[in-house]
């Protein structure tokens, strides 16, 4: 009899626990930031990692497994599960991922303009001197140059800013910032950590649906 069997003697069958699974596609800077954020929040029972670079994938996987000594972590491996794509061009890659994976549509999700909307709300809050949690606005469309701000939906604690300033979002707006769009779409620094936060936000929504 093995040492393991001598140490642990089962008296009843192990209860089946429903699993929540999240797949992180790519183990680069953004992907690993997402994985660590997910583990830190104990969102799931199973975390899946997928990458084409086998050596890097194994190294990152082992790193996370070693980290499990300090966290309440799930079992880490790479099966088919729900996939969230955050790499750019995110809309195209989300479609390609769905086609190649053969998974149902609801199992392949792109981060879309969530990151742009978060930046938009931040700059709005900075301009008005208000906490970002009170500022609401959305960037819609394909992530990138073709996305647009929905000015009619911009509000602070439910108060429509376009009703206060009908010229908002136009060239006639005296308070407009022509560089706002470029700031939202193309920040000065890489967005690994904020992208991870957006990814985790989507994961929380899925898990708590």
N, C-alpha and C. Protein backbone atom coordinates (compact mmCIF):
# COMPACT_ATOMS: atom_id res chain seq x y z
N UNK A 1 0.85 -1.19 0.00
CA UNK A 1 0.00 0.00 0.00
C UNK A 1 0.89 1.25 0.00
N UNK A 2 0.54 2.20 -0.84
CA UNK A 2 1.35 3.40 -0.96
C UNK A 2 1.23 4.28 0.28
N UNK A 3 2.21 5.17 0.44
CA UNK A 3 2.19 6.10 1.58
C UNK A 3 0.93 6.96 1.56
N UNK A 4 0.53 7.38 0.35
CA UNK A 4 -0.66 8.22 0.22
C UNK A 4 -1.90 7.50 0.73
N UNK A 5 -2.04 6.23 0.37
CA UNK A 5 -3.21 5.46 0.80
C UNK A 5 -3.18 5.17 2.29
N UNK A 6 -1.95 4.99 2.84
CA UNK A 6 -1.84 4.77 4.28
C UNK A 6 -2.21 6.03 5.06
N UNK A 7 -1.87 7.19 4.47
CA UNK A 7 -2.11 8.47 5.15
C UNK A 7 -3.58 8.87 5.09
N UNK A 8 -4.21 8.65 3.94
CA UNK A 8 -5.59 9.09 3.73
C UNK A 8 -6.46 7.89 3.44
N UNK A 9 -7.38 7.59 4.33
CA UNK A 9 -8.29 6.46 4.15
C UNK A 9 -9.70 7.00 3.92
N UNK A 10 -10.21 6.94 2.68
CA UNK A 10 -11.55 7.47 2.40
C UNK A 10 -12.64 6.58 3.01
N UNK A 11 -13.60 7.22 3.67
CA UNK A 11 -14.73 6.51 4.26
C UNK A 11 -16.01 6.72 3.46
N UNK A 12 -16.00 7.70 2.56
CA UNK A 12 -17.17 7.98 1.73
C UNK A 12 -16.69 8.55 0.41
N UNK A 13 -17.54 8.46 -0.61
CA UNK A 13 -17.18 9.01 -1.91
C UNK A 13 -17.09 10.53 -1.81
N UNK A 14 -16.13 11.06 -2.54
CA UNK A 14 -15.94 12.50 -2.54
C UNK A 14 -17.14 13.18 -3.19
N UNK A 15 -17.65 14.21 -2.54
CA UNK A 15 -18.82 14.93 -3.06
C UNK A 15 -18.42 15.70 -4.31
N UNK A 16 -19.29 15.63 -5.31
CA UNK A 16 -19.04 16.37 -6.55
C UNK A 16 -19.35 17.84 -6.33
N UNK A 17 -18.40 18.70 -6.66
CA UNK A 17 -18.57 20.14 -6.49
C UNK A 17 -18.67 20.78 -7.87
N UNK A 18 -19.73 21.55 -8.15
CA UNK A 18 -19.85 22.22 -9.44
C UNK A 18 -18.65 23.14 -9.68
N UNK A 19 -18.11 23.09 -10.86
CA UNK A 19 -16.92 23.87 -11.17
C UNK A 19 -17.25 25.11 -11.98
N UNK A 20 -16.65 26.24 -11.59
CA UNK A 20 -16.65 27.45 -12.41
C UNK A 20 -15.28 27.52 -13.08
N UNK A 21 -15.27 27.65 -14.39
CA UNK A 21 -14.01 27.62 -15.14
C UNK A 21 -13.81 28.92 -15.90
N UNK A 22 -12.60 29.47 -15.81
CA UNK A 22 -12.21 30.65 -16.58
C UNK A 22 -10.98 30.29 -17.39
N UNK A 23 -10.96 30.65 -18.67
CA UNK A 23 -9.80 30.42 -19.53
C UNK A 23 -9.07 31.74 -19.79
N UNK A 24 -7.79 31.76 -19.55
CA UNK A 24 -6.94 32.90 -19.90
C UNK A 24 -6.19 32.53 -21.17
N UNK A 25 -6.43 33.25 -22.25
CA UNK A 25 -5.80 32.98 -23.54
C UNK A 25 -4.53 33.83 -23.66
N UNK A 26 -3.38 33.17 -23.65
CA UNK A 26 -2.11 33.88 -23.74
C UNK A 26 -1.52 34.12 -22.37
N UNK A 27 -0.25 33.76 -22.18
CA UNK A 27 0.39 33.92 -20.88
C UNK A 27 1.44 35.02 -20.92
N UNK A 28 1.16 36.06 -21.71
CA UNK A 28 2.02 37.24 -21.73
C UNK A 28 1.73 38.12 -20.52
N UNK A 29 2.13 39.40 -20.63
CA UNK A 29 1.98 40.31 -19.49
C UNK A 29 0.53 40.49 -19.09
N UNK A 30 -0.35 40.72 -20.09
CA UNK A 30 -1.77 40.91 -19.80
C UNK A 30 -2.39 39.62 -19.28
N UNK A 31 -2.10 38.51 -19.95
CA UNK A 31 -2.69 37.24 -19.56
C UNK A 31 -2.34 36.84 -18.13
N UNK A 32 -1.07 36.99 -17.75
CA UNK A 32 -0.68 36.61 -16.40
C UNK A 32 -1.22 37.57 -15.36
N UNK A 33 -1.35 38.85 -15.73
CA UNK A 33 -1.98 39.80 -14.81
C UNK A 33 -3.43 39.40 -14.56
N UNK A 34 -4.11 38.95 -15.62
CA UNK A 34 -5.49 38.47 -15.48
C UNK A 34 -5.53 37.24 -14.58
N UNK A 35 -4.63 36.29 -14.83
CA UNK A 35 -4.63 35.04 -14.07
C UNK A 35 -4.40 35.30 -12.58
N UNK A 36 -3.43 36.16 -12.27
CA UNK A 36 -3.12 36.45 -10.87
C UNK A 36 -4.28 37.16 -10.20
N UNK A 37 -4.93 38.08 -10.94
CA UNK A 37 -6.08 38.80 -10.38
C UNK A 37 -7.23 37.84 -10.09
N UNK A 38 -7.45 36.89 -11.00
CA UNK A 38 -8.53 35.90 -10.82
C UNK A 38 -8.24 35.02 -9.61
N UNK A 39 -6.99 34.58 -9.48
CA UNK A 39 -6.62 33.73 -8.35
C UNK A 39 -6.75 34.49 -7.03
N UNK A 40 -6.36 35.77 -7.05
CA UNK A 40 -6.42 36.56 -5.84
C UNK A 40 -7.84 36.76 -5.33
N UNK A 41 -8.81 36.74 -6.23
CA UNK A 41 -10.20 36.91 -5.86
C UNK A 41 -10.91 35.59 -5.58
N UNK A 42 -10.23 34.47 -5.82
CA UNK A 42 -10.83 33.14 -5.61
C UNK A 42 -12.16 33.02 -6.34
N UNK A 43 -12.17 33.40 -7.61
CA UNK A 43 -13.41 33.44 -8.38
C UNK A 43 -13.88 32.07 -8.82
N UNK A 44 -12.93 31.16 -9.08
CA UNK A 44 -13.29 29.92 -9.76
C UNK A 44 -12.70 28.70 -9.08
N UNK A 45 -13.22 27.54 -9.47
CA UNK A 45 -12.67 26.26 -9.02
C UNK A 45 -11.56 25.79 -9.95
N UNK A 46 -11.64 26.19 -11.22
CA UNK A 46 -10.66 25.76 -12.22
C UNK A 46 -10.23 26.96 -13.05
N UNK A 47 -8.92 27.15 -13.17
CA UNK A 47 -8.36 28.20 -14.02
C UNK A 47 -7.64 27.55 -15.19
N UNK A 48 -7.99 27.94 -16.41
CA UNK A 48 -7.39 27.35 -17.60
C UNK A 48 -6.45 28.35 -18.26
N UNK A 49 -5.26 27.89 -18.63
CA UNK A 49 -4.28 28.70 -19.34
C UNK A 49 -4.06 28.09 -20.72
N UNK A 50 -4.00 28.95 -21.75
CA UNK A 50 -3.78 28.48 -23.12
C UNK A 50 -2.74 29.38 -23.77
N UNK A 51 -1.73 28.78 -24.40
CA UNK A 51 -0.73 29.56 -25.12
C UNK A 51 -0.03 28.65 -26.13
N UNK A 52 0.43 29.25 -27.24
CA UNK A 52 1.11 28.47 -28.27
C UNK A 52 2.58 28.24 -27.93
N UNK A 53 3.15 29.04 -27.03
CA UNK A 53 4.54 28.89 -26.63
C UNK A 53 4.62 27.91 -25.46
N UNK A 54 4.96 26.67 -25.76
CA UNK A 54 4.86 25.60 -24.77
C UNK A 54 5.77 25.83 -23.58
N UNK A 55 7.03 26.21 -23.81
CA UNK A 55 7.97 26.38 -22.71
C UNK A 55 7.55 27.51 -21.77
N UNK A 56 7.16 28.64 -22.37
CA UNK A 56 6.71 29.77 -21.55
C UNK A 56 5.45 29.41 -20.79
N UNK A 57 4.54 28.69 -21.48
CA UNK A 57 3.29 28.27 -20.85
C UNK A 57 3.57 27.41 -19.62
N UNK A 58 4.46 26.42 -19.78
CA UNK A 58 4.77 25.52 -18.66
C UNK A 58 5.40 26.28 -17.50
N UNK A 59 6.29 27.24 -17.85
CA UNK A 59 6.94 28.02 -16.80
C UNK A 59 5.96 28.86 -16.00
N UNK A 60 5.05 29.53 -16.71
CA UNK A 60 4.05 30.36 -16.03
C UNK A 60 3.08 29.50 -15.24
N UNK A 61 2.71 28.34 -15.79
CA UNK A 61 1.79 27.44 -15.10
C UNK A 61 2.41 26.95 -13.79
N UNK A 62 3.69 26.56 -13.85
CA UNK A 62 4.36 26.08 -12.65
C UNK A 62 4.50 27.20 -11.63
N UNK A 63 4.74 28.43 -12.12
CA UNK A 63 4.86 29.57 -11.22
C UNK A 63 3.56 29.77 -10.44
N UNK A 64 2.43 29.68 -11.14
CA UNK A 64 1.14 29.84 -10.48
C UNK A 64 0.86 28.68 -9.52
N UNK A 65 1.25 27.48 -9.92
CA UNK A 65 1.03 26.32 -9.05
C UNK A 65 1.84 26.45 -7.76
N UNK A 66 3.07 26.99 -7.87
CA UNK A 66 3.87 27.20 -6.67
C UNK A 66 3.25 28.30 -5.80
N UNK A 67 2.65 29.28 -6.45
CA UNK A 67 2.00 30.38 -5.71
C UNK A 67 0.78 29.88 -4.95
N UNK A 68 0.23 28.74 -5.36
CA UNK A 68 -0.98 28.22 -4.72
C UNK A 68 -0.75 27.91 -3.25
N UNK A 69 0.51 27.81 -2.83
CA UNK A 69 0.80 27.59 -1.41
C UNK A 69 0.36 28.77 -0.57
N UNK A 70 0.27 29.95 -1.20
CA UNK A 70 -0.05 31.17 -0.47
C UNK A 70 -1.46 31.68 -0.75
N UNK A 71 -2.19 31.00 -1.60
CA UNK A 71 -3.52 31.44 -1.98
C UNK A 71 -4.51 30.29 -1.89
N UNK A 72 -5.79 30.65 -1.78
CA UNK A 72 -6.84 29.65 -1.90
C UNK A 72 -7.15 29.51 -3.38
N UNK A 73 -6.41 28.62 -4.03
CA UNK A 73 -6.44 28.58 -5.49
C UNK A 73 -7.13 27.34 -6.02
N UNK A 74 -7.63 27.44 -7.26
CA UNK A 74 -8.21 26.28 -7.93
C UNK A 74 -7.12 25.42 -8.56
N UNK A 75 -7.52 24.28 -9.07
CA UNK A 75 -6.62 23.44 -9.84
C UNK A 75 -6.37 24.11 -11.18
N UNK A 76 -5.11 24.17 -11.61
CA UNK A 76 -4.74 24.91 -12.81
C UNK A 76 -4.39 23.95 -13.93
N UNK A 77 -5.13 24.03 -15.02
CA UNK A 77 -4.83 23.21 -16.19
C UNK A 77 -5.52 23.84 -17.40
N UNK A 78 -5.57 23.17 -18.55
CA UNK A 78 -6.02 23.82 -19.77
C UNK A 78 -7.05 23.00 -20.54
N UNK A 79 -8.27 22.91 -20.07
CA UNK A 79 -9.32 22.22 -20.83
C UNK A 79 -10.12 23.22 -21.64
N UNK A 80 -11.17 22.75 -22.29
CA UNK A 80 -12.11 23.65 -22.95
C UNK A 80 -13.01 24.27 -21.89
N UNK A 81 -13.21 25.56 -21.96
CA UNK A 81 -14.09 26.22 -20.99
C UNK A 81 -14.48 27.59 -21.55
N UNK A 82 -14.93 28.48 -20.70
CA UNK A 82 -15.28 29.83 -21.14
C UNK A 82 -14.00 30.61 -21.41
N UNK A 83 -13.93 31.29 -22.55
CA UNK A 83 -12.73 32.03 -22.95
C UNK A 83 -13.07 33.51 -23.06
N UNK A 84 -12.24 34.36 -22.43
CA UNK A 84 -12.36 35.81 -22.56
C UNK A 84 -11.12 36.31 -23.28
N UNK A 85 -11.31 37.00 -24.39
CA UNK A 85 -10.20 37.51 -25.21
C UNK A 85 -10.00 38.98 -24.90
N UNK A 86 -8.76 39.36 -24.55
CA UNK A 86 -8.45 40.76 -24.29
C UNK A 86 -7.33 41.28 -25.19
N UNK A 87 -6.72 40.42 -26.01
CA UNK A 87 -5.64 40.83 -26.90
C UNK A 87 -6.21 41.58 -28.10
N UNK A 88 -5.44 42.54 -28.60
CA UNK A 88 -5.86 43.32 -29.77
C UNK A 88 -5.33 42.73 -31.07
N UNK A 89 -6.09 42.88 -32.17
CA UNK A 89 -7.42 43.52 -32.28
C UNK A 89 -8.50 42.62 -31.69
N UNK A 90 -9.08 43.03 -30.56
CA UNK A 90 -9.88 42.14 -29.73
C UNK A 90 -11.12 41.61 -30.44
N UNK A 91 -11.79 42.44 -31.24
CA UNK A 91 -13.02 41.98 -31.89
C UNK A 91 -12.73 40.91 -32.94
N UNK A 92 -11.66 41.13 -33.70
CA UNK A 92 -11.28 40.16 -34.73
C UNK A 92 -10.81 38.86 -34.09
N UNK A 93 -9.97 38.98 -33.06
CA UNK A 93 -9.45 37.78 -32.40
C UNK A 93 -10.54 37.01 -31.67
N UNK A 94 -11.54 37.72 -31.16
CA UNK A 94 -12.67 37.03 -30.52
C UNK A 94 -13.42 36.18 -31.53
N UNK A 95 -13.65 36.74 -32.72
CA UNK A 95 -14.34 36.00 -33.77
C UNK A 95 -13.52 34.79 -34.22
N UNK A 96 -12.21 35.02 -34.42
CA UNK A 96 -11.33 33.92 -34.85
C UNK A 96 -11.28 32.83 -33.78
N UNK A 97 -11.20 33.24 -32.51
CA UNK A 97 -11.17 32.27 -31.41
C UNK A 97 -12.44 31.43 -31.39
N UNK A 98 -13.56 32.08 -31.59
CA UNK A 98 -14.83 31.36 -31.61
C UNK A 98 -14.88 30.35 -32.75
N UNK A 99 -14.43 30.77 -33.95
CA UNK A 99 -14.46 29.89 -35.12
C UNK A 99 -13.51 28.70 -34.94
N UNK A 100 -12.32 28.97 -34.42
CA UNK A 100 -11.32 27.91 -34.30
C UNK A 100 -11.62 26.96 -33.13
N UNK A 101 -12.18 27.50 -32.06
CA UNK A 101 -12.42 26.67 -30.88
C UNK A 101 -13.60 25.73 -31.04
N UNK A 102 -14.59 26.14 -31.85
CA UNK A 102 -15.79 25.33 -31.99
C UNK A 102 -16.71 25.41 -30.79
N UNK A 103 -16.41 26.31 -29.86
CA UNK A 103 -17.25 26.47 -28.67
C UNK A 103 -18.52 27.24 -29.01
N UNK A 104 -19.55 27.12 -28.20
CA UNK A 104 -20.76 27.93 -28.41
C UNK A 104 -20.44 29.41 -28.31
N UNK A 105 -21.27 30.24 -28.93
CA UNK A 105 -21.01 31.68 -28.96
C UNK A 105 -20.88 32.28 -27.56
N UNK A 106 -21.69 31.80 -26.64
CA UNK A 106 -21.67 32.39 -25.30
C UNK A 106 -20.45 31.97 -24.49
N UNK A 107 -19.62 31.09 -25.04
CA UNK A 107 -18.42 30.65 -24.34
C UNK A 107 -17.16 31.39 -24.79
N UNK A 108 -17.28 32.27 -25.78
CA UNK A 108 -16.14 33.06 -26.25
C UNK A 108 -16.54 34.53 -26.20
N UNK A 109 -15.90 35.29 -25.32
CA UNK A 109 -16.29 36.67 -25.06
C UNK A 109 -15.08 37.58 -25.24
N UNK A 110 -15.28 38.72 -25.92
CA UNK A 110 -14.24 39.72 -26.06
C UNK A 110 -14.45 40.86 -25.08
N UNK A 111 -13.36 41.49 -24.65
CA UNK A 111 -13.48 42.60 -23.70
C UNK A 111 -14.09 43.84 -24.33
N UNK A 112 -14.10 43.89 -25.68
CA UNK A 112 -14.77 44.98 -26.38
C UNK A 112 -14.24 46.35 -25.99
N UNK A 113 -15.16 47.27 -25.72
CA UNK A 113 -14.81 48.65 -25.38
C UNK A 113 -14.89 48.91 -23.88
N UNK A 114 -14.86 47.86 -23.08
CA UNK A 114 -14.89 48.05 -21.62
C UNK A 114 -13.72 48.89 -21.14
N UNK A 115 -12.54 48.63 -21.69
CA UNK A 115 -11.36 49.38 -21.29
C UNK A 115 -11.49 50.84 -21.70
N UNK A 116 -11.97 51.08 -22.93
CA UNK A 116 -12.16 52.45 -23.40
C UNK A 116 -13.17 53.19 -22.53
N UNK A 117 -14.25 52.50 -22.16
CA UNK A 117 -15.28 53.11 -21.32
C UNK A 117 -14.73 53.45 -19.94
N UNK A 118 -13.87 52.59 -19.41
CA UNK A 118 -13.27 52.86 -18.10
C UNK A 118 -12.38 54.10 -18.16
N UNK A 119 -11.60 54.22 -19.23
CA UNK A 119 -10.76 55.42 -19.39
C UNK A 119 -11.63 56.66 -19.57
N UNK A 120 -12.70 56.51 -20.35
CA UNK A 120 -13.62 57.62 -20.60
C UNK A 120 -14.20 58.14 -19.28
N UNK A 121 -14.62 57.23 -18.41
CA UNK A 121 -15.19 57.61 -17.12
C UNK A 121 -14.13 58.28 -16.23
N UNK A 122 -12.90 57.79 -16.32
CA UNK A 122 -11.82 58.38 -15.52
C UNK A 122 -11.56 59.82 -15.94
N UNK A 123 -11.42 60.05 -17.25
CA UNK A 123 -11.15 61.40 -17.73
C UNK A 123 -12.32 62.34 -17.46
N UNK A 124 -13.54 61.80 -17.53
CA UNK A 124 -14.72 62.59 -17.19
C UNK A 124 -14.65 63.02 -15.73
N UNK A 125 -14.32 62.08 -14.86
CA UNK A 125 -14.22 62.38 -13.43
C UNK A 125 -13.12 63.39 -13.15
N UNK A 126 -11.99 63.24 -13.85
CA UNK A 126 -10.87 64.16 -13.66
C UNK A 126 -11.25 65.57 -14.09
N UNK A 127 -11.99 65.68 -15.18
CA UNK A 127 -12.43 66.98 -15.70
C UNK A 127 -13.40 67.66 -14.74
N UNK A 128 -14.32 66.89 -14.16
CA UNK A 128 -15.37 67.44 -13.32
C UNK A 128 -14.99 67.49 -11.84
N UNK A 129 -13.90 66.83 -11.48
CA UNK A 129 -13.50 66.80 -10.08
C UNK A 129 -14.41 65.94 -9.23
N UNK A 130 -14.89 64.84 -9.81
CA UNK A 130 -15.84 63.94 -9.15
C UNK A 130 -15.25 62.53 -9.15
N UNK A 131 -15.63 61.73 -8.17
CA UNK A 131 -15.13 60.35 -8.12
C UNK A 131 -15.65 59.58 -9.33
N UNK A 132 -14.80 58.76 -9.97
CA UNK A 132 -15.21 58.01 -11.17
C UNK A 132 -16.44 57.13 -10.98
N UNK A 133 -16.68 56.66 -9.75
CA UNK A 133 -17.84 55.79 -9.53
C UNK A 133 -19.16 56.51 -9.73
N UNK A 134 -19.13 57.86 -9.68
CA UNK A 134 -20.35 58.65 -9.90
C UNK A 134 -20.52 59.06 -11.36
N UNK A 135 -19.48 58.83 -12.17
CA UNK A 135 -19.52 59.22 -13.58
C UNK A 135 -19.85 58.01 -14.45
N UNK A 136 -20.77 58.20 -15.36
CA UNK A 136 -21.22 57.10 -16.21
C UNK A 136 -21.20 57.52 -17.68
N UNK A 137 -20.57 56.71 -18.49
CA UNK A 137 -20.50 56.97 -19.92
C UNK A 137 -19.96 55.74 -20.62
N UNK A 138 -20.26 55.60 -21.89
CA UNK A 138 -19.89 54.38 -22.60
C UNK A 138 -19.27 54.69 -23.95
N UNK A 139 -18.28 53.90 -24.29
CA UNK A 139 -17.70 53.89 -25.64
C UNK A 139 -18.20 52.61 -26.31
N UNK A 140 -18.81 52.76 -27.48
CA UNK A 140 -19.39 51.62 -28.17
C UNK A 140 -18.77 51.43 -29.54
N UNK A 141 -18.98 50.26 -30.12
CA UNK A 141 -18.47 49.95 -31.45
C UNK A 141 -17.28 49.02 -31.38
N UNK A 142 -16.59 48.89 -32.50
CA UNK A 142 -15.39 48.06 -32.54
C UNK A 142 -14.27 48.75 -31.78
N UNK A 143 -13.58 48.02 -30.94
CA UNK A 143 -12.49 48.60 -30.16
C UNK A 143 -11.42 49.15 -31.10
N UNK A 144 -11.11 50.44 -30.95
CA UNK A 144 -10.14 51.08 -31.82
C UNK A 144 -10.63 52.42 -32.32
N UNK A 145 -10.12 52.82 -33.49
CA UNK A 145 -10.41 54.15 -34.03
C UNK A 145 -11.87 54.35 -34.40
N UNK A 146 -12.60 53.27 -34.68
CA UNK A 146 -13.98 53.41 -35.14
C UNK A 146 -15.00 53.46 -34.00
N UNK A 147 -14.56 53.29 -32.76
CA UNK A 147 -15.49 53.34 -31.63
C UNK A 147 -15.91 54.78 -31.36
N UNK A 148 -17.08 54.94 -30.76
CA UNK A 148 -17.63 56.28 -30.53
C UNK A 148 -18.15 56.40 -29.10
N UNK A 149 -18.14 57.63 -28.60
CA UNK A 149 -18.71 57.91 -27.28
C UNK A 149 -20.20 58.18 -27.42
N UNK A 150 -21.00 57.61 -26.54
CA UNK A 150 -22.45 57.83 -26.55
C UNK A 150 -22.73 59.01 -25.62
N UNK A 151 -22.67 60.22 -26.17
CA UNK A 151 -22.80 61.42 -25.36
C UNK A 151 -24.18 61.55 -24.72
N UNK A 152 -25.20 61.01 -25.38
CA UNK A 152 -26.55 61.12 -24.83
C UNK A 152 -26.71 60.32 -23.54
N UNK A 153 -25.82 59.37 -23.31
CA UNK A 153 -25.90 58.56 -22.10
C UNK A 153 -24.95 58.99 -21.00
N UNK A 154 -24.15 60.04 -21.25
CA UNK A 154 -23.19 60.50 -20.25
C UNK A 154 -23.93 61.19 -19.11
N UNK A 155 -23.69 60.74 -17.89
CA UNK A 155 -24.37 61.34 -16.75
C UNK A 155 -23.53 61.24 -15.49
N UNK A 156 -23.85 62.09 -14.55
CA UNK A 156 -23.22 62.06 -13.23
C UNK A 156 -24.32 61.82 -12.20
N UNK A 157 -24.28 60.65 -11.58
CA UNK A 157 -25.30 60.26 -10.60
C UNK A 157 -26.70 60.38 -11.17
N UNK A 158 -26.85 60.07 -12.46
CA UNK A 158 -28.17 60.10 -13.09
C UNK A 158 -28.52 61.42 -13.75
N UNK A 159 -27.71 62.46 -13.56
CA UNK A 159 -27.97 63.77 -14.17
C UNK A 159 -27.31 63.81 -15.55
N UNK A 160 -28.12 63.96 -16.60
CA UNK A 160 -27.61 63.97 -17.97
C UNK A 160 -26.80 65.23 -18.22
N UNK A 161 -25.54 65.06 -18.64
CA UNK A 161 -24.70 66.22 -18.92
C UNK A 161 -25.06 66.87 -20.24
N UNK A 162 -25.61 66.10 -21.17
CA UNK A 162 -25.99 66.68 -22.45
C UNK A 162 -27.21 67.58 -22.31
N UNK A 163 -28.07 67.30 -21.33
CA UNK A 163 -29.19 68.20 -21.08
C UNK A 163 -28.70 69.52 -20.50
N UNK A 164 -27.63 69.47 -19.71
CA UNK A 164 -27.05 70.70 -19.17
C UNK A 164 -26.25 71.45 -20.23
N UNK A 165 -25.63 70.70 -21.13
CA UNK A 165 -24.81 71.29 -22.20
C UNK A 165 -25.10 70.56 -23.50
N UNK A 166 -26.10 71.05 -24.28
CA UNK A 166 -26.48 70.38 -25.54
C UNK A 166 -25.35 70.28 -26.56
N UNK A 167 -24.32 71.11 -26.42
CA UNK A 167 -23.20 71.10 -27.37
C UNK A 167 -22.13 70.08 -26.99
N UNK A 168 -22.35 69.36 -25.90
CA UNK A 168 -21.34 68.39 -25.45
C UNK A 168 -21.04 67.35 -26.53
N UNK A 169 -19.77 67.13 -26.75
CA UNK A 169 -19.35 66.15 -27.74
C UNK A 169 -19.22 66.70 -29.14
N UNK A 170 -19.51 67.99 -29.33
CA UNK A 170 -19.40 68.62 -30.65
C UNK A 170 -18.24 69.60 -30.65
N UNK A 171 -17.91 70.10 -31.83
CA UNK A 171 -16.83 71.08 -31.95
C UNK A 171 -17.20 72.41 -31.31
N UNK A 172 -18.50 72.63 -31.08
CA UNK A 172 -18.96 73.89 -30.49
C UNK A 172 -18.92 73.88 -28.96
N UNK A 173 -18.55 72.76 -28.39
CA UNK A 173 -18.49 72.67 -26.93
C UNK A 173 -17.23 73.38 -26.43
N UNK A 174 -17.39 74.47 -25.66
CA UNK A 174 -16.20 75.21 -25.19
C UNK A 174 -15.32 74.40 -24.25
N UNK A 175 -15.88 73.37 -23.63
CA UNK A 175 -15.10 72.55 -22.71
C UNK A 175 -14.60 71.26 -23.30
N UNK A 176 -14.72 71.12 -24.63
CA UNK A 176 -14.32 69.87 -25.26
C UNK A 176 -12.81 69.71 -25.26
N UNK A 177 -12.37 68.46 -25.31
CA UNK A 177 -10.94 68.15 -25.36
C UNK A 177 -10.70 67.30 -26.59
N UNK A 178 -10.08 67.86 -27.63
CA UNK A 178 -9.91 67.11 -28.88
C UNK A 178 -9.03 65.88 -28.75
N UNK A 179 -8.24 65.80 -27.69
CA UNK A 179 -7.36 64.64 -27.51
C UNK A 179 -7.99 63.55 -26.64
N UNK A 180 -9.22 63.79 -26.17
CA UNK A 180 -9.85 62.82 -25.28
C UNK A 180 -10.00 61.46 -25.94
N UNK A 181 -10.44 61.46 -27.21
CA UNK A 181 -10.64 60.20 -27.92
C UNK A 181 -9.35 59.40 -28.03
N UNK A 182 -8.26 60.08 -28.38
CA UNK A 182 -6.99 59.38 -28.53
C UNK A 182 -6.49 58.87 -27.18
N UNK A 183 -6.76 59.61 -26.11
CA UNK A 183 -6.36 59.15 -24.78
C UNK A 183 -7.11 57.88 -24.40
N UNK A 184 -8.38 57.82 -24.75
CA UNK A 184 -9.19 56.65 -24.40
C UNK A 184 -8.76 55.43 -25.21
N UNK A 185 -8.41 55.64 -26.49
CA UNK A 185 -8.09 54.53 -27.38
C UNK A 185 -6.61 54.14 -27.31
N UNK A 186 -5.72 55.13 -27.15
CA UNK A 186 -4.29 54.86 -27.22
C UNK A 186 -3.59 55.53 -26.04
N UNK A 187 -3.56 54.89 -24.88
CA UNK A 187 -2.90 55.48 -23.72
C UNK A 187 -1.40 55.56 -23.91
N UNK A 188 -0.75 56.38 -23.07
CA UNK A 188 0.69 56.58 -23.21
C UNK A 188 1.49 55.37 -22.75
N UNK A 189 0.90 54.52 -21.92
CA UNK A 189 1.62 53.36 -21.39
C UNK A 189 0.82 52.09 -21.62
N UNK A 190 1.48 50.93 -21.60
CA UNK A 190 0.76 49.66 -21.78
C UNK A 190 -0.33 49.47 -20.74
N UNK A 191 -1.35 48.70 -21.09
CA UNK A 191 -2.54 48.61 -20.23
C UNK A 191 -2.71 47.21 -19.63
N UNK A 192 -1.61 46.55 -19.28
CA UNK A 192 -1.71 45.17 -18.79
C UNK A 192 -2.57 45.07 -17.54
N UNK A 193 -2.36 45.98 -16.58
CA UNK A 193 -3.06 45.84 -15.30
C UNK A 193 -4.52 46.25 -15.40
N UNK A 194 -4.79 47.34 -16.11
CA UNK A 194 -6.19 47.74 -16.24
C UNK A 194 -6.94 46.76 -17.13
N UNK A 195 -6.26 46.18 -18.12
CA UNK A 195 -6.89 45.14 -18.94
C UNK A 195 -7.25 43.93 -18.09
N UNK A 196 -6.36 43.61 -17.15
CA UNK A 196 -6.64 42.49 -16.25
C UNK A 196 -7.86 42.79 -15.38
N UNK A 197 -7.97 44.04 -14.94
CA UNK A 197 -9.13 44.43 -14.11
C UNK A 197 -10.42 44.31 -14.90
N UNK A 198 -10.39 44.73 -16.17
CA UNK A 198 -11.57 44.60 -17.03
C UNK A 198 -11.92 43.13 -17.20
N UNK A 199 -10.91 42.30 -17.43
CA UNK A 199 -11.14 40.87 -17.61
C UNK A 199 -11.78 40.25 -16.37
N UNK A 200 -11.25 40.60 -15.20
CA UNK A 200 -11.79 40.06 -13.95
C UNK A 200 -13.22 40.54 -13.74
N UNK A 201 -13.51 41.80 -14.11
CA UNK A 201 -14.87 42.33 -13.99
C UNK A 201 -15.85 41.50 -14.82
N UNK A 202 -15.44 41.14 -16.04
CA UNK A 202 -16.28 40.30 -16.89
C UNK A 202 -16.43 38.91 -16.26
N UNK A 203 -15.34 38.40 -15.70
CA UNK A 203 -15.39 37.08 -15.06
C UNK A 203 -16.37 37.07 -13.89
N UNK A 204 -16.33 38.13 -13.08
CA UNK A 204 -17.24 38.22 -11.93
C UNK A 204 -18.68 38.23 -12.40
N UNK A 205 -18.94 38.96 -13.50
CA UNK A 205 -20.30 39.02 -14.04
C UNK A 205 -20.77 37.64 -14.49
N UNK A 206 -19.86 36.89 -15.13
CA UNK A 206 -20.21 35.54 -15.60
C UNK A 206 -20.46 34.60 -14.43
N UNK A 207 -19.55 34.62 -13.46
CA UNK A 207 -19.66 33.71 -12.32
C UNK A 207 -20.91 33.99 -11.50
N UNK A 208 -21.26 35.27 -11.35
CA UNK A 208 -22.39 35.66 -10.51
C UNK A 208 -23.68 35.88 -11.29
N UNK A 209 -23.72 35.38 -12.50
CA UNK A 209 -24.90 35.61 -13.36
C UNK A 209 -26.17 35.01 -12.75
